[in-house]
Amino acid sequence: MSVGQTLRKIELTEEAFRSCRDKPQYRFLVTISEAKPGEEFEIVGEDAILSFDTVLSILEDEGFEYDIVERDDLLGTYTVIARKRG
C-alpha cells in the first residue's frame, strides 16, 4: 500500500445486506469496475452473500492483484486486500 493512501472497505456481509438500500454484491461490482489503477480495497465478506471464489474470480477479471488476509471455511468468512493493476 502506498504511503498516505487509505484502503476503501467493501463489506459483503449479512449486516451490510440489512443496512443498505442496494445489494452489497451490486455495490461491490460497481466499485470494482470503476476502480482506477493503484486503488486499494479491503474486502470483508461472507460466502452467504458472495462466495470467496466468486470474489477472487471477479478481482482477476477486473485486473486486480490480491492478498488473502483471512479465510475461515468453517464460518464462511474472508478478508482480502485488493489493488488495481496499472
PDB file of N, CA and C in Angstrom:
ATOM      1  N   MET A   1       0.838  -1.165   0.000  1.00  0.00           N
ATOM      2  CA  MET A   1       0.000   0.000   0.000  1.00  0.00           C
ATOM      3  C   MET A   1       0.886   1.231   0.000  1.00  0.00           C
ATOM      4  N   SER A   2       0.523   2.232  -0.764  1.00  0.00           N
ATOM      5  CA  SER A   2       1.283   3.463  -0.874  1.00  0.00           C
ATOM      6  C   SER A   2       1.166   4.266   0.417  1.00  0.00           C
ATOM      7  N   VAL A   3       2.233   4.998   0.737  1.00  0.00           N
ATOM      8  CA  VAL A   3       2.222   5.840   1.925  1.00  0.00           C
ATOM      9  C   VAL A   3       1.155   6.913   1.755  1.00  0.00           C
ATOM     10  N   GLY A   4       0.347   7.113   2.764  1.00  0.00           N
ATOM     11  CA  GLY A   4      -0.686   8.132   2.731  1.00  0.00           C
ATOM     12  C   GLY A   4      -1.984   7.690   2.067  1.00  0.00           C
ATOM     13  N   GLN A   5      -1.970   6.533   1.444  1.00  0.00           N
ATOM     14  CA  GLN A   5      -3.181   6.046   0.781  1.00  0.00           C
ATOM     15  C   GLN A   5      -3.965   5.170   1.754  1.00  0.00           C
ATOM     16  N   THR A   6      -5.270   5.328   1.758  1.00  0.00           N
ATOM     17  CA  THR A   6      -6.093   4.522   2.653  1.00  0.00           C
ATOM     18  C   THR A   6      -6.840   3.471   1.856  1.00  0.00           C
ATOM     19  N   LEU A   7      -7.103   2.375   2.506  1.00  0.00           N
ATOM     20  CA  LEU A   7      -7.893   1.304   1.898  1.00  0.00           C
ATOM     21  C   LEU A   7      -9.363   1.688   1.936  1.00  0.00           C
ATOM     22  N   ARG A   8     -10.049   1.442   0.855  1.00  0.00           N
ATOM     23  CA  ARG A   8     -11.509   1.580   0.853  1.00  0.00           C
ATOM     24  C   ARG A   8     -12.066   0.227   1.257  1.00  0.00           C
ATOM     25  N   LYS A   9     -12.984   0.224   2.186  1.00  0.00           N
ATOM     26  CA  LYS A   9     -13.542  -1.028   2.693  1.00  0.00           C
ATOM     27  C   LYS A   9     -14.834  -1.365   1.966  1.00  0.00           C
ATOM     28  N   ILE A  10     -14.933  -2.615   1.551  1.00  0.00           N
ATOM     29  CA  ILE A  10     -16.147  -3.138   0.933  1.00  0.00           C
ATOM     30  C   ILE A  10     -16.620  -4.292   1.803  1.00  0.00           C
ATOM     31  N   GLU A  11     -17.848  -4.202   2.297  1.00  0.00           N
ATOM     32  CA  GLU A  11     -18.387  -5.259   3.147  1.00  0.00           C
ATOM     33  C   GLU A  11     -19.432  -6.065   2.393  1.00  0.00           C
ATOM     34  N   LEU A  12     -19.197  -7.348   2.330  1.00  0.00           N
ATOM     35  CA  LEU A  12     -20.130  -8.299   1.710  1.00  0.00           C
ATOM     36  C   LEU A  12     -20.612  -9.243   2.809  1.00  0.00           C
ATOM     37  N   THR A  13     -21.345  -8.666   3.760  1.00  0.00           N
ATOM     38  CA  THR A  13     -21.770  -9.403   4.946  1.00  0.00           C
ATOM     39  C   THR A  13     -23.281  -9.297   5.129  1.00  0.00           C
ATOM     40  N   GLU A  14     -23.821 -10.155   5.980  1.00  0.00           N
ATOM     41  CA  GLU A  14     -25.253 -10.099   6.303  1.00  0.00           C
ATOM     42  C   GLU A  14     -25.619  -8.725   6.867  1.00  0.00           C
ATOM     43  N   GLU A  15     -24.767  -8.196   7.731  1.00  0.00           N
ATOM     44  CA  GLU A  15     -25.027  -6.889   8.325  1.00  0.00           C
ATOM     45  C   GLU A  15     -25.091  -5.800   7.250  1.00  0.00           C
ATOM     46  N   ALA A  16     -24.164  -5.816   6.314  1.00  0.00           N
ATOM     47  CA  ALA A  16     -24.181  -4.832   5.223  1.00  0.00           C
ATOM     48  C   ALA A  16     -25.427  -5.019   4.360  1.00  0.00           C
ATOM     49  N   PHE A  17     -25.824  -6.258   4.177  1.00  0.00           N
ATOM     50  CA  PHE A  17     -27.010  -6.551   3.359  1.00  0.00           C
ATOM     51  C   PHE A  17     -28.263  -5.936   3.987  1.00  0.00           C
ATOM     52  N   ARG A  18     -28.369  -6.019   5.306  1.00  0.00           N
ATOM     53  CA  ARG A  18     -29.539  -5.482   6.012  1.00  0.00           C
ATOM     54  C   ARG A  18     -29.518  -3.958   6.099  1.00  0.00           C
ATOM     55  N   SER A  19     -28.333  -3.357   6.091  1.00  0.00           N
ATOM     56  CA  SER A  19     -28.238  -1.926   6.366  1.00  0.00           C
ATOM     57  C   SER A  19     -28.147  -1.021   5.138  1.00  0.00           C
ATOM     58  N   CYS A  20     -28.190  -1.585   3.940  1.00  0.00           N
ATOM     59  CA  CYS A  20     -28.088  -0.718   2.765  1.00  0.00           C
ATOM     60  C   CYS A  20     -29.288  -0.897   1.840  1.00  0.00           C
ATOM     61  N   ARG A  21     -29.526   0.130   1.052  1.00  0.00           N
ATOM     62  CA  ARG A  21     -30.681   0.095   0.149  1.00  0.00           C
ATOM     63  C   ARG A  21     -30.459  -0.814  -1.045  1.00  0.00           C
ATOM     64  N   ASP A  22     -29.240  -0.801  -1.580  1.00  0.00           N
ATOM     65  CA  ASP A  22     -28.946  -1.698  -2.692  1.00  0.00           C
ATOM     66  C   ASP A  22     -28.198  -2.914  -2.155  1.00  0.00           C
ATOM     67  N   LYS A  23     -28.070  -3.911  -2.953  1.00  0.00           N
ATOM     68  CA  LYS A  23     -27.401  -5.130  -2.514  1.00  0.00           C
ATOM     69  C   LYS A  23     -25.887  -4.923  -2.473  1.00  0.00           C
ATOM     70  N   PRO A  24     -25.211  -5.445  -1.435  1.00  0.00           N
ATOM     71  CA  PRO A  24     -23.754  -5.305  -1.351  1.00  0.00           C
ATOM     72  C   PRO A  24     -23.047  -5.873  -2.584  1.00  0.00           C
ATOM     73  N   GLN A  25     -23.601  -6.949  -3.172  1.00  0.00           N
ATOM     74  CA  GLN A  25     -22.972  -7.547  -4.349  1.00  0.00           C
ATOM     75  C   GLN A  25     -22.935  -6.541  -5.503  1.00  0.00           C
ATOM     76  N   TYR A  26     -24.036  -5.821  -5.682  1.00  0.00           N
ATOM     77  CA  TYR A  26     -24.119  -4.822  -6.745  1.00  0.00           C
ATOM     78  C   TYR A  26     -23.107  -3.703  -6.485  1.00  0.00           C
ATOM     79  N   ARG A  27     -23.081  -3.208  -5.260  1.00  0.00           N
ATOM     80  CA  ARG A  27     -22.144  -2.145  -4.898  1.00  0.00           C
ATOM     81  C   ARG A  27     -20.699  -2.596  -5.119  1.00  0.00           C
ATOM     82  N   PHE A  28     -20.398  -3.846  -4.757  1.00  0.00           N
ATOM     83  CA  PHE A  28     -19.060  -4.404  -4.980  1.00  0.00           C
ATOM     84  C   PHE A  28     -18.708  -4.390  -6.461  1.00  0.00           C
ATOM     85  N   LEU A  29     -19.601  -4.886  -7.293  1.00  0.00           N
ATOM     86  CA  LEU A  29     -19.326  -4.947  -8.735  1.00  0.00           C
ATOM     87  C   LEU A  29     -19.115  -3.559  -9.328  1.00  0.00           C
ATOM     88  N   VAL A  30     -19.949  -2.615  -8.956  1.00  0.00           N
ATOM     89  CA  VAL A  30     -19.809  -1.254  -9.473  1.00  0.00           C
ATOM     90  C   VAL A  30     -18.496  -0.630  -8.993  1.00  0.00           C
ATOM     91  N   THR A  31     -18.208  -0.751  -7.718  1.00  0.00           N
ATOM     92  CA  THR A  31     -16.987  -0.165  -7.157  1.00  0.00           C
ATOM     93  C   THR A  31     -15.750  -0.746  -7.808  1.00  0.00           C
ATOM     94  N   ILE A  32     -15.701  -2.051  -7.950  1.00  0.00           N
ATOM     95  CA  ILE A  32     -14.543  -2.716  -8.546  1.00  0.00           C
ATOM     96  C   ILE A  32     -14.396  -2.329 -10.019  1.00  0.00           C
ATOM     97  N   SER A  33     -15.489  -2.298 -10.756  1.00  0.00           N
ATOM     98  CA  SER A  33     -15.407  -1.993 -12.187  1.00  0.00           C
ATOM     99  C   SER A  33     -15.012  -0.538 -12.445  1.00  0.00           C
ATOM    100  N   GLU A  34     -15.278   0.363 -11.492  1.00  0.00           N
ATOM    101  CA  GLU A  34     -14.934   1.772 -11.661  1.00  0.00           C
ATOM    102  C   GLU A  34     -13.589   2.147 -11.033  1.00  0.00           C
ATOM    103  N   ALA A  35     -12.902   1.184 -10.442  1.00  0.00           N
ATOM    104  CA  ALA A  35     -11.636   1.468  -9.763  1.00  0.00           C
ATOM    105  C   ALA A  35     -10.562   1.934 -10.747  1.00  0.00           C
ATOM    106  N   LYS A  36      -9.742   2.834 -10.258  1.00  0.00           N
ATOM    107  CA  LYS A  36      -8.631   3.347 -11.055  1.00  0.00           C
ATOM    108  C   LYS A  36      -7.352   2.604 -10.677  1.00  0.00           C
ATOM    109  N   PRO A  37      -6.388   2.539 -11.574  1.00  0.00           N
ATOM    110  CA  PRO A  37      -5.125   1.869 -11.255  1.00  0.00           C
ATOM    111  C   PRO A  37      -4.524   2.393  -9.956  1.00  0.00           C
ATOM    112  N   GLY A  38      -4.083   1.474  -9.131  1.00  0.00           N
ATOM    113  CA  GLY A  38      -3.478   1.814  -7.857  1.00  0.00           C
ATOM    114  C   GLY A  38      -4.442   1.866  -6.688  1.00  0.00           C
ATOM    115  N   GLU A  39      -5.747   1.918  -6.952  1.00  0.00           N
ATOM    116  CA  GLU A  39      -6.714   1.942  -5.851  1.00  0.00           C
ATOM    117  C   GLU A  39      -6.662   0.618  -5.097  1.00  0.00           C
ATOM    118  N   GLU A  40      -6.814   0.711  -3.791  1.00  0.00           N
ATOM    119  CA  GLU A  40      -6.750  -0.468  -2.936  1.00  0.00           C
ATOM    120  C   GLU A  40      -8.014  -0.603  -2.096  1.00  0.00           C
ATOM    121  N   PHE A  41      -8.409  -1.847  -1.887  1.00  0.00           N
ATOM    122  CA  PHE A  41      -9.636  -2.154  -1.179  1.00  0.00           C
ATOM    123  C   PHE A  41      -9.405  -3.263  -0.164  1.00  0.00           C
ATOM    124  N   GLU A  42     -10.114  -3.160   0.944  1.00  0.00           N
ATOM    125  CA  GLU A  42     -10.213  -4.257   1.903  1.00  0.00           C
ATOM    126  C   GLU A  42     -11.615  -4.825   1.724  1.00  0.00           C
ATOM    127  N   ILE A  43     -11.687  -6.076   1.349  1.00  0.00           N
ATOM    128  CA  ILE A  43     -12.972  -6.732   1.106  1.00  0.00           C
ATOM    129  C   ILE A  43     -13.209  -7.727   2.239  1.00  0.00           C
ATOM    130  N   VAL A  44     -14.264  -7.476   3.000  1.00  0.00           N
ATOM    131  CA  VAL A  44     -14.639  -8.344   4.110  1.00  0.00           C
ATOM    132  C   VAL A  44     -15.953  -8.999   3.713  1.00  0.00           C
ATOM    133  N   GLY A  45     -15.954 -10.324   3.639  1.00  0.00           N
ATOM    134  CA  GLY A  45     -17.152 -10.957   3.133  1.00  0.00           C
ATOM    135  C   GLY A  45     -17.543 -12.253   3.805  1.00  0.00           C
ATOM    136  N   GLU A  46     -18.743 -12.666   3.427  1.00  0.00           N
ATOM    137  CA  GLU A  46     -19.306 -13.944   3.869  1.00  0.00           C
ATOM    138  C   GLU A  46     -19.797 -14.684   2.635  1.00  0.00           C
ATOM    139  N   ASP A  47     -19.506 -15.972   2.598  1.00  0.00           N
ATOM    140  CA  ASP A  47     -19.918 -16.796   1.457  1.00  0.00           C
ATOM    141  C   ASP A  47     -21.422 -16.735   1.200  1.00  0.00           C
ATOM    142  N   ALA A  48     -22.216 -16.531   2.252  1.00  0.00           N
ATOM    143  CA  ALA A  48     -23.674 -16.482   2.099  1.00  0.00           C
ATOM    144  C   ALA A  48     -24.121 -15.282   1.260  1.00  0.00           C
ATOM    145  N   ILE A  49     -23.297 -14.237   1.199  1.00  0.00           N
ATOM    146  CA  ILE A  49     -23.621 -13.045   0.420  1.00  0.00           C
ATOM    147  C   ILE A  49     -22.983 -13.109  -0.958  1.00  0.00           C
ATOM    148  N   LEU A  50     -21.690 -13.355  -1.019  1.00  0.00           N
ATOM    149  CA  LEU A  50     -20.969 -13.529  -2.279  1.00  0.00           C
ATOM    150  C   LEU A  50     -19.788 -14.440  -1.987  1.00  0.00           C
ATOM    151  N   SER A  51     -19.730 -15.564  -2.666  1.00  0.00           N
ATOM    152  CA  SER A  51     -18.733 -16.574  -2.320  1.00  0.00           C
ATOM    153  C   SER A  51     -17.299 -16.082  -2.541  1.00  0.00           C
ATOM    154  N   PHE A  52     -16.422 -16.608  -1.737  1.00  0.00           N
ATOM    155  CA  PHE A  52     -14.992 -16.304  -1.796  1.00  0.00           C
ATOM    156  C   PHE A  52     -14.455 -16.531  -3.208  1.00  0.00           C
ATOM    157  N   ASP A  53     -14.773 -17.680  -3.798  1.00  0.00           N
ATOM    158  CA  ASP A  53     -14.283 -17.999  -5.144  1.00  0.00           C
ATOM    159  C   ASP A  53     -14.795 -17.006  -6.186  1.00  0.00           C
ATOM    160  N   THR A  54     -16.028 -16.572  -6.043  1.00  0.00           N
ATOM    161  CA  THR A  54     -16.596 -15.584  -6.965  1.00  0.00           C
ATOM    162  C   THR A  54     -15.883 -14.244  -6.832  1.00  0.00           C
ATOM    163  N   VAL A  55     -15.615 -13.825  -5.606  1.00  0.00           N
ATOM    164  CA  VAL A  55     -14.902 -12.562  -5.376  1.00  0.00           C
ATOM    165  C   VAL A  55     -13.534 -12.608  -6.043  1.00  0.00           C
ATOM    166  N   LEU A  56     -12.794 -13.692  -5.835  1.00  0.00           N
ATOM    167  CA  LEU A  56     -11.462 -13.801  -6.433  1.00  0.00           C
ATOM    168  C   LEU A  56     -11.537 -13.812  -7.958  1.00  0.00           C
ATOM    169  N   SER A  57     -12.509 -14.494  -8.508  1.00  0.00           N
ATOM    170  CA  SER A  57     -12.689 -14.535  -9.958  1.00  0.00           C
ATOM    171  C   SER A  57     -12.969 -13.138 -10.521  1.00  0.00           C
ATOM    172  N   ILE A  58     -13.843 -12.393  -9.863  1.00  0.00           N
ATOM    173  CA  ILE A  58     -14.160 -11.026 -10.301  1.00  0.00           C
ATOM    174  C   ILE A  58     -12.919 -10.145 -10.217  1.00  0.00           C
ATOM    175  N   LEU A  59     -12.174 -10.243  -9.132  1.00  0.00           N
ATOM    176  CA  LEU A  59     -10.961  -9.443  -8.991  1.00  0.00           C
ATOM    177  C   LEU A  59      -9.971  -9.746 -10.116  1.00  0.00           C
ATOM    178  N   GLU A  60      -9.787 -11.010 -10.422  1.00  0.00           N
ATOM    179  CA  GLU A  60      -8.874 -11.389 -11.512  1.00  0.00           C
ATOM    180  C   GLU A  60      -9.365 -10.843 -12.845  1.00  0.00           C
ATOM    181  N   ASP A  61     -10.657 -10.982 -13.116  1.00  0.00           N
ATOM    182  CA  ASP A  61     -11.231 -10.497 -14.380  1.00  0.00           C
ATOM    183  C   ASP A  61     -11.113  -8.982 -14.524  1.00  0.00           C
ATOM    184  N   GLU A  62     -11.159  -8.258 -13.402  1.00  0.00           N
ATOM    185  CA  GLU A  62     -11.111  -6.795 -13.427  1.00  0.00           C
ATOM    186  C   GLU A  62      -9.692  -6.238 -13.305  1.00  0.00           C
ATOM    187  N   GLY A  63      -8.685  -7.123 -13.301  1.00  0.00           N
ATOM    188  CA  GLY A  63      -7.294  -6.668 -13.294  1.00  0.00           C
ATOM    189  C   GLY A  63      -6.747  -6.269 -11.936  1.00  0.00           C
ATOM    190  N   PHE A  64      -7.100  -7.031 -10.901  1.00  0.00           N
ATOM    191  CA  PHE A  64      -6.622  -6.754  -9.554  1.00  0.00           C
ATOM    192  C   PHE A  64      -5.595  -7.779  -9.115  1.00  0.00           C
ATOM    193  N   GLU A  65      -4.638  -7.308  -8.319  1.00  0.00           N
ATOM    194  CA  GLU A  65      -3.768  -8.190  -7.545  1.00  0.00           C
ATOM    195  C   GLU A  65      -4.437  -8.287  -6.179  1.00  0.00           C
ATOM    196  N   TYR A  66      -4.261  -9.405  -5.493  1.00  0.00           N
ATOM    197  CA  TYR A  66      -4.890  -9.504  -4.170  1.00  0.00           C
ATOM    198  C   TYR A  66      -4.079 -10.380  -3.238  1.00  0.00           C
ATOM    199  N   ASP A  67      -4.264 -10.119  -1.958  1.00  0.00           N
ATOM    200  CA  ASP A  67      -3.688 -10.928  -0.889  1.00  0.00           C
ATOM    201  C   ASP A  67      -4.838 -11.398  -0.019  1.00  0.00           C
ATOM    202  N   ILE A  68      -4.833 -12.684   0.284  1.00  0.00           N
ATOM    203  CA  ILE A  68      -5.842 -13.245   1.172  1.00  0.00           C
ATOM    204  C   ILE A  68      -5.334 -13.053   2.599  1.00  0.00           C
ATOM    205  N   VAL A  69      -6.022 -12.210   3.348  1.00  0.00           N
ATOM    206  CA  VAL A  69      -5.623 -11.901   4.713  1.00  0.00           C
ATOM    207  C   VAL A  69      -6.157 -12.962   5.663  1.00  0.00           C
ATOM    208  N   GLU A  70      -7.404 -13.360   5.429  1.00  0.00           N
ATOM    209  CA  GLU A  70      -8.039 -14.341   6.304  1.00  0.00           C
ATOM    210  C   GLU A  70      -9.089 -15.115   5.520  1.00  0.00           C
ATOM    211  N   ARG A  71      -9.156 -16.404   5.787  1.00  0.00           N
ATOM    212  CA  ARG A  71     -10.180 -17.258   5.186  1.00  0.00           C
ATOM    213  C   ARG A  71     -10.567 -18.301   6.209  1.00  0.00           C
ATOM    214  N   ASP A  72     -11.849 -18.341   6.556  1.00  0.00           N
ATOM    215  CA  ASP A  72     -12.358 -19.330   7.503  1.00  0.00           C
ATOM    216  C   ASP A  72     -13.445 -20.139   6.801  1.00  0.00           C
ATOM    217  N   ASP A  73     -13.078 -21.331   6.348  1.00  0.00           N
ATOM    218  CA  ASP A  73     -14.021 -22.185   5.630  1.00  0.00           C
ATOM    219  C   ASP A  73     -15.181 -22.620   6.518  1.00  0.00           C
ATOM    220  N   LEU A  74     -14.914 -22.812   7.797  1.00  0.00           N
ATOM    221  CA  LEU A  74     -15.958 -23.259   8.718  1.00  0.00           C
ATOM    222  C   LEU A  74     -17.045 -22.190   8.886  1.00  0.00           C
ATOM    223  N   LEU A  75     -16.626 -20.955   9.072  1.00  0.00           N
ATOM    224  CA  LEU A  75     -17.576 -19.854   9.237  1.00  0.00           C
ATOM    225  C   LEU A  75     -18.031 -19.262   7.901  1.00  0.00           C
ATOM    226  N   GLY A  76     -17.279 -19.557   6.838  1.00  0.00           N
ATOM    227  CA  GLY A  76     -17.624 -18.999   5.531  1.00  0.00           C
ATOM    228  C   GLY A  76     -17.320 -17.518   5.428  1.00  0.00           C
ATOM    229  N   THR A  77     -16.232 -17.083   6.062  1.00  0.00           N
ATOM    230  CA  THR A  77     -15.857 -15.668   6.048  1.00  0.00           C
ATOM    231  C   THR A  77     -14.481 -15.491   5.410  1.00  0.00           C
ATOM    232  N   TYR A  78     -14.226 -14.275   4.954  1.00  0.00           N
ATOM    233  CA  TYR A  78     -12.933 -13.977   4.335  1.00  0.00           C
ATOM    234  C   TYR A  78     -12.638 -12.486   4.377  1.00  0.00           C
ATOM    235  N   THR A  79     -11.335 -12.181   4.313  1.00  0.00           N
ATOM    236  CA  THR A  79     -10.863 -10.811   4.162  1.00  0.00           C
ATOM    237  C   THR A  79      -9.773 -10.832   3.103  1.00  0.00           C
ATOM    238  N   VAL A  80      -9.901  -9.935   2.133  1.00  0.00           N
ATOM    239  CA  VAL A  80      -8.965  -9.860   1.012  1.00  0.00           C
ATOM    240  C   VAL A  80      -8.563  -8.399   0.830  1.00  0.00           C
ATOM    241  N   ILE A  81      -7.267  -8.175   0.596  1.00  0.00           N
ATOM    242  CA  ILE A  81      -6.789  -6.852   0.204  1.00  0.00           C
ATOM    243  C   ILE A  81      -6.536  -6.915  -1.300  1.00  0.00           C
ATOM    244  N   ALA A  82      -7.128  -5.979  -2.036  1.00  0.00           N
ATOM    245  CA  ALA A  82      -7.024  -5.995  -3.495  1.00  0.00           C
ATOM    246  C   ALA A  82      -6.513  -4.650  -3.994  1.00  0.00           C
ATOM    247  N   ARG A  83      -5.660  -4.687  -5.023  1.00  0.00           N
ATOM    248  CA  ARG A  83      -5.108  -3.473  -5.629  1.00  0.00           C
ATOM    249  C   ARG A  83      -5.250  -3.562  -7.136  1.00  0.00           C
ATOM    250  N   LYS A  84      -5.817  -2.512  -7.717  1.00  0.00           N
ATOM    251  CA  LYS A  84      -5.999  -2.450  -9.179  1.00  0.00           C
ATOM    252  C   LYS A  84      -4.633  -2.283  -9.830  1.00  0.00           C
ATOM    253  N   ARG A  85      -4.321  -3.165 -10.780  1.00  0.00           N
ATOM    254  CA  ARG A  85      -3.064  -3.071 -11.513  1.00  0.00           C
ATOM    255  C   ARG A  85      -3.078  -1.852 -12.432  1.00  0.00           C
ATOM    256  N   GLY A  86      -1.866  -1.416 -12.763  1.00  0.00           N
ATOM    257  CA  GLY A  86      -1.802  -0.360 -13.758  1.00  0.00           C
ATOM    258  C   GLY A  86      -0.861   0.709 -13.499  1.00  0.00           C
TER     259      GLY A  86
END
